[in-house]
Protein backbone atom coordinates (compact mmCIF):
# COMPACT_ATOMS: atom_id res chain seq x y z
CA MET A 1 -169.35 -64.26 4.32
CA ALA A 2 -172.22 -65.80 6.31
CA HIS A 3 -173.35 -69.26 5.36
CA VAL A 4 -177.00 -70.18 6.24
CA GLU A 5 -178.29 -73.50 5.21
CA VAL A 6 -181.79 -75.03 5.61
CA VAL A 7 -181.86 -78.79 6.38
CA ARG A 8 -184.83 -81.08 6.79
CA ALA A 9 -184.74 -82.65 10.25
CA TYR A 10 -185.63 -86.03 8.65
CA GLU A 11 -182.72 -85.86 6.24
CA ASP A 12 -180.05 -84.29 8.58
CA PRO A 13 -176.56 -85.32 7.38
CA GLY A 14 -175.15 -84.56 10.83
CA ARG A 15 -173.10 -81.82 12.37
CA ARG A 16 -170.17 -80.37 10.63
CA PRO A 17 -167.39 -78.43 12.46
CA GLY A 18 -168.26 -74.88 13.36
CA GLU A 19 -172.03 -75.17 12.89
CA HIS A 20 -174.62 -73.60 15.07
CA ARG A 21 -177.80 -75.70 14.60
CA VAL A 22 -181.20 -74.18 15.26
CA LEU A 23 -184.62 -75.88 15.02
CA VAL A 24 -186.85 -73.13 13.58
CA ASP A 25 -190.33 -74.82 13.66
CA ARG A 26 -192.95 -74.03 16.18
CA LEU A 27 -193.91 -77.69 16.54
CA TRP A 28 -191.51 -80.63 17.21
CA PRO A 29 -190.83 -82.76 14.13
CA ARG A 30 -193.35 -85.64 14.14
CA GLY A 31 -191.65 -88.99 14.81
CA VAL A 32 -188.27 -87.56 15.70
CA GLN A 33 -186.87 -88.27 19.15
CA LYS A 34 -185.42 -85.29 20.92
CA ALA A 35 -182.22 -87.22 21.68
CA SER A 36 -181.72 -88.12 18.01
CA LEU A 37 -181.80 -84.55 16.59
CA ASP A 38 -178.45 -82.69 17.01
CA PHE A 39 -179.35 -79.07 17.56
CA ASP A 40 -178.12 -76.22 19.74
CA GLU A 41 -181.38 -74.41 20.35
CA TRP A 42 -185.05 -74.40 19.46
CA VAL A 43 -186.40 -70.99 18.56
CA LYS A 44 -190.16 -71.53 18.43
CA ASP A 45 -190.73 -67.76 18.43
CA ALA A 46 -188.89 -67.37 15.11
CA ALA A 47 -191.42 -69.65 13.45
CA PRO A 48 -194.48 -68.26 11.56
CA SER A 49 -197.48 -67.76 13.84
CA THR A 50 -200.00 -70.57 14.10
CA GLU A 51 -202.58 -68.40 12.31
CA LEU A 52 -200.14 -67.62 9.38
CA ARG A 53 -199.08 -71.26 9.17
CA ARG A 54 -202.65 -72.51 8.97
CA TRP A 55 -203.56 -69.82 6.36
CA TYR A 56 -200.63 -70.79 4.19
CA GLY A 57 -201.19 -74.57 4.41
CA HIS A 58 -197.95 -75.08 2.39
CA ALA A 59 -199.74 -74.06 -0.83
CA PRO A 60 -196.99 -72.98 -3.20
CA GLU A 61 -199.27 -70.44 -4.95
CA ARG A 62 -199.58 -68.63 -1.62
CA PHE A 63 -195.84 -68.57 -0.94
CA SER A 64 -195.15 -65.07 -2.07
CA GLU A 65 -197.91 -63.66 0.10
CA PHE A 66 -196.85 -65.95 2.99
CA ALA A 67 -193.23 -64.70 2.79
CA GLY A 68 -194.31 -61.10 3.02
CA ARG A 69 -196.59 -61.71 5.98
CA TYR A 70 -193.90 -63.83 7.71
CA ARG A 71 -191.19 -61.12 7.19
CA ALA A 72 -193.65 -58.64 8.80
CA GLU A 73 -194.06 -60.96 11.84
CA LEU A 74 -190.23 -61.22 12.14
CA GLU A 75 -189.98 -57.37 12.32
CA ARG A 76 -192.02 -57.50 15.60
CA GLU A 77 -190.96 -58.97 18.87
CA PRO A 78 -190.20 -61.62 19.91
CA GLY A 79 -189.16 -62.58 16.31
CA ALA A 80 -187.08 -59.46 15.76
CA ALA A 81 -184.80 -60.17 18.72
CA ILE A 82 -184.20 -63.72 17.57
CA VAL A 83 -183.48 -62.64 14.04
CA GLU A 84 -180.87 -60.19 15.29
CA ARG A 85 -179.25 -62.89 17.52
CA LEU A 86 -179.14 -65.24 14.58
CA ARG A 87 -177.51 -62.52 12.54
CA GLU A 88 -174.87 -62.11 15.20
CA LEU A 89 -174.24 -65.86 15.18
CA THR A 90 -173.65 -65.89 11.41
CA ARG A 91 -171.22 -62.96 11.78
CA ALA A 92 -169.34 -64.69 14.60
CA ASP A 93 -169.37 -68.29 13.50
CA GLY A 94 -170.06 -67.93 9.79
CA ARG A 95 -172.16 -71.23 9.58
CA LEU A 96 -175.75 -71.52 10.65
CA VAL A 97 -178.02 -74.54 10.04
CA LEU A 98 -181.73 -73.98 10.24
CA LEU A 99 -183.49 -77.26 10.95
CA THR A 100 -187.10 -77.77 9.78
CA ALA A 101 -189.60 -80.60 9.46
CA THR A 102 -191.25 -79.19 6.31
CA ARG A 103 -191.28 -81.26 3.08
CA ASP A 104 -191.00 -78.44 0.75
CA VAL A 105 -187.98 -76.61 2.10
CA GLU A 106 -187.81 -73.93 -0.64
CA HIS A 107 -191.43 -72.88 0.06
CA SER A 108 -191.08 -72.86 3.83
CA GLY A 109 -190.70 -70.38 6.69
CA ALA A 110 -187.15 -71.65 7.13
CA ALA A 111 -186.32 -70.59 3.53
CA VAL A 112 -187.80 -67.12 4.16
CA LEU A 113 -185.76 -66.79 7.42
CA ARG A 114 -182.62 -67.96 5.57
CA ASP A 115 -183.10 -65.36 2.89
CA LEU A 116 -183.77 -62.71 5.44
CA LEU A 117 -180.53 -63.50 7.27
CA VAL A 118 -178.40 -63.67 4.14
CA THR A 119 -179.74 -60.60 2.30
CA ASP A 120 -180.57 -58.27 5.11
CA GLY A 121 -178.32 -59.49 7.83
CA GLY A 122 -175.03 -60.51 6.27
CA PRO A 123 -171.79 -59.16 7.70
């Protein structure tokens, strides 16, 4: 079974064996030096669009609408290709870590992406 976990870049416990670690934010985490964040790739195009991110503004009452709009974005390119590749990684490696800078992880684009990979894309 695939294991997809969301981890805040500021609270990263470090790499565990067998992990593939992906930064899923469009913007680099403020105050984090690139050399200090242990990640395999940065997939900016899997992040919510700037327009959607600004509309959402991390307002929990908008999360349901945000999640639906973000899923729709991920059905189109370039997001769709990235989602499929991440699904393949979970099938092959079994452990995927989505790194994000957001404070409220459970109401974030990373959480939506995790749920999409686990529910729709599991092996």
